[in-house]
Amino acid sequence: MAFKSEQELQAYADWAKQELHGMAEHVRNSDLFHEEVVGHAVWTLPHQIFIGKAWPKSNRNRAYWIISGTQLPTDHIDAGLADSARDAARHFSMKWQLQSARLEKMDQTREDVPKDDVNWDAIAAKMQAQAEALYKLAEQEEPWRPTQGPLVDSEEGGSEALT
């Protein structure tokens, strides 16, 4: 993917930095590690989907895949479940489909949760839609090809390298 301008590239860099920060927050809030977190972006669909890896600074072997995005929940899976970001996307899709099915079956007659407060059917439907969209994306070839060439296209129709 080539960006149309330096500003577009900078906007992407700012977004990716924000997603990395969100990934670190997710790791802390999920109580995955109790020490300094290290991580990096592995694959992105700019301004939509971020897939990265995070691990404790002292042990890279305890890594997790993390996914987030504008229309996706931030979630994690053990890094051993997927060899690539694309495989991780497939796994997240499957995970969300299973969670959606469980939510659809939740007993709405529980006394401790008023029926008006939580619409489990709507939550399940949204999660199912997210799972299906992610699966369709994972089945496409083009988005998963490595970026080649310069990151910014020049205005003359050619390309220029970043310095």
Protein backbone atom coordinates (compact mmCIF):
# COMPACT_ATOMS: atom_id res chain seq x y z
CA MET A 1 0.00 0.00 0.00
CA ALA A 2 1.28 3.42 -0.88
CA PHE A 3 0.05 6.59 0.80
CA LYS A 4 -0.83 9.60 -1.33
CA SER A 5 1.12 12.09 0.76
CA GLU A 6 3.45 12.51 3.71
CA GLN A 7 0.44 13.77 5.70
CA GLU A 8 -1.50 10.58 4.97
CA LEU A 9 1.51 8.53 6.04
CA GLN A 10 1.82 10.59 9.23
CA ALA A 11 -1.90 10.11 9.98
CA TYR A 12 -1.39 6.36 9.59
CA ALA A 13 1.68 6.45 11.87
CA ASP A 14 -0.31 8.35 14.50
CA TRP A 15 -3.18 5.84 14.25
CA ALA A 16 -0.78 2.88 14.54
CA LYS A 17 0.89 4.48 17.58
CA GLN A 18 -2.53 4.92 19.20
CA GLU A 19 -3.39 1.28 18.47
CA LEU A 20 -0.08 0.15 20.00
CA HIS A 21 -0.92 2.15 23.11
CA GLY A 22 -4.36 0.53 23.17
CA MET A 23 -2.74 -2.89 22.80
CA ALA A 24 -0.57 -2.22 25.86
CA GLU A 25 -3.62 -1.03 27.82
CA HIS A 26 -5.53 -4.16 26.86
CA VAL A 27 -2.67 -6.35 28.07
CA ARG A 28 -2.57 -4.50 31.40
CA ASN A 29 -6.36 -4.47 31.84
CA SER A 30 -6.61 -8.15 30.95
CA ASP A 31 -3.98 -8.94 33.58
CA LEU A 32 -1.94 -10.98 31.10
CA PHE A 33 1.41 -9.79 32.49
CA HIS A 34 2.53 -8.09 35.68
CA GLU A 35 5.66 -6.51 34.21
CA GLU A 36 6.76 -4.26 31.37
CA VAL A 37 5.10 -5.12 28.05
CA VAL A 38 6.87 -5.19 24.69
CA GLY A 39 5.05 -5.44 21.40
CA HIS A 40 4.79 -4.46 17.77
CA ALA A 41 2.36 -4.21 14.90
CA VAL A 42 2.37 -7.26 12.64
CA TRP A 43 -0.38 -6.38 10.14
CA THR A 44 -2.77 -3.49 9.66
CA LEU A 45 -5.59 -2.41 7.44
CA PRO A 46 -4.95 1.32 7.91
CA HIS A 47 -7.43 3.09 10.17
CA GLN A 48 -9.57 -0.06 10.45
CA ILE A 49 -7.83 -3.18 11.79
CA PHE A 50 -4.67 -3.60 13.83
CA ILE A 51 -3.11 -6.99 14.60
CA GLY A 52 -0.04 -7.05 16.77
CA LYS A 53 1.91 -9.17 19.20
CA ALA A 54 2.72 -8.41 22.82
CA TRP A 55 4.86 -10.18 25.41
CA PRO A 56 6.49 -9.48 28.76
CA LYS A 57 9.92 -7.91 28.42
CA SER A 58 11.53 -10.82 30.28
CA ASN A 59 9.96 -13.63 28.23
CA ARG A 60 9.17 -13.31 24.52
CA ASN A 61 7.83 -16.88 24.55
CA ARG A 62 4.73 -15.75 26.51
CA ALA A 63 3.37 -13.74 23.58
CA TYR A 64 -0.20 -12.96 22.62
CA TRP A 65 -1.80 -11.87 19.37
CA ILE A 66 -3.88 -8.71 19.93
CA ILE A 67 -6.54 -7.42 17.55
CA SER A 68 -8.30 -4.06 17.61
CA GLY A 69 -9.99 -1.70 15.23
CA THR A 70 -12.65 0.90 14.72
CA GLN A 71 -15.43 -1.65 14.31
CA LEU A 72 -13.86 -4.51 16.29
CA PRO A 73 -13.48 -5.38 19.94
CA THR A 74 -9.95 -5.44 21.30
CA ASP A 75 -9.18 -9.08 22.00
CA HIS A 76 -6.26 -11.45 22.49
CA ILE A 77 -5.28 -15.06 21.91
CA ASP A 78 -2.17 -17.01 22.82
CA ALA A 79 0.51 -16.55 20.16
CA GLY A 80 0.90 -20.32 19.86
CA LEU A 81 -2.56 -20.56 18.29
CA ALA A 82 -1.51 -18.84 15.05
CA ASP A 83 1.66 -18.68 12.94
CA SER A 84 0.76 -15.46 11.14
CA ALA A 85 -1.47 -12.41 11.48
CA ARG A 86 -3.79 -13.90 8.88
CA ASP A 87 -4.07 -17.13 10.87
CA ALA A 88 -4.69 -15.05 13.99
CA ALA A 89 -7.52 -13.22 12.18
CA ARG A 90 -9.09 -16.57 11.31
CA HIS A 91 -8.79 -17.67 14.92
CA PHE A 92 -10.37 -14.43 16.22
CA SER A 93 -13.22 -14.93 13.76
CA MET A 94 -13.82 -18.46 15.03
CA LYS A 95 -13.56 -17.32 18.66
CA TRP A 96 -16.12 -14.57 18.11
CA GLN A 97 -18.50 -16.94 16.31
CA LEU A 98 -18.39 -19.30 19.29
CA GLN A 99 -18.88 -16.44 21.76
CA SER A 100 -21.78 -15.15 19.70
CA ALA A 101 -23.47 -18.54 19.81
CA ARG A 102 -23.01 -18.67 23.60
CA LEU A 103 -24.50 -15.21 24.00
CA GLU A 104 -27.54 -16.16 21.91
CA LYS A 105 -28.21 -19.01 24.34
CA MET A 106 -27.85 -16.91 27.50
CA ASP A 107 -30.76 -17.34 29.84
CA GLN A 108 -32.67 -14.06 29.85
CA THR A 109 -34.63 -15.14 32.90
CA ARG A 110 -31.77 -14.58 35.34
CA GLU A 111 -32.96 -12.62 38.34
CA ASP A 112 -29.73 -10.60 38.76
CA VAL A 113 -29.80 -9.02 35.28
CA PRO A 114 -32.90 -7.03 34.33
CA LYS A 115 -33.97 -7.86 30.78
CA ASP A 116 -33.99 -4.19 29.78
CA ASP A 117 -30.35 -3.59 30.78
CA VAL A 118 -28.61 -5.99 28.40
CA ASN A 119 -29.77 -7.00 24.94
CA TRP A 120 -27.77 -10.21 24.54
CA ASP A 121 -29.31 -10.92 21.13
CA ALA A 122 -28.07 -7.58 19.76
CA ILE A 123 -24.61 -8.12 21.24
CA ALA A 124 -24.49 -11.63 19.76
CA ALA A 125 -25.62 -10.37 16.35
CA LYS A 126 -22.95 -7.64 16.33
CA MET A 127 -20.25 -10.12 17.34
CA GLN A 128 -21.40 -12.55 14.65
CA ALA A 129 -21.27 -9.80 12.02
CA GLN A 130 -17.75 -8.83 13.13
CA ALA A 131 -16.66 -12.47 12.98
CA GLU A 132 -18.07 -12.93 9.48
CA ALA A 133 -16.49 -9.71 8.17
CA LEU A 134 -13.10 -10.66 9.61
CA TYR A 135 -13.36 -14.16 8.13
CA LYS A 136 -14.17 -12.73 4.67
CA LEU A 137 -11.15 -10.44 4.94
CA ALA A 138 -8.90 -13.33 5.99
CA GLU A 139 -10.00 -15.30 2.93
CA GLN A 140 -8.91 -12.55 0.51
CA GLU A 141 -5.34 -12.67 -0.82
CA GLU A 142 -4.60 -9.04 -1.63
CA PRO A 143 -4.78 -7.45 1.84
CA TRP A 144 -2.28 -9.97 3.22
CA ARG A 145 0.46 -9.44 0.64
CA PRO A 146 3.56 -7.70 2.02
CA THR A 147 3.93 -4.02 1.14
CA GLN A 148 6.55 -3.50 -1.54
CA GLY A 149 8.08 -0.31 -2.85
CA PRO A 150 7.91 3.19 -1.42
CA LEU A 151 5.32 4.13 1.17
CA VAL A 152 4.43 7.44 -0.46
CA ASP A 153 3.47 7.94 -4.12
CA SER A 154 4.83 11.09 -5.72
CA GLU A 155 2.37 13.51 -7.30
CA GLU A 156 3.86 13.01 -10.77
CA GLY A 157 2.48 9.49 -10.90
CA GLY A 158 5.75 7.78 -9.99
CA SER A 159 7.05 7.00 -6.58
CA GLU A 160 9.56 8.58 -4.26
CA ALA A 161 11.35 6.97 -1.39
CA LEU A 162 11.09 8.35 2.12
CA THR A 163 14.29 9.71 3.61
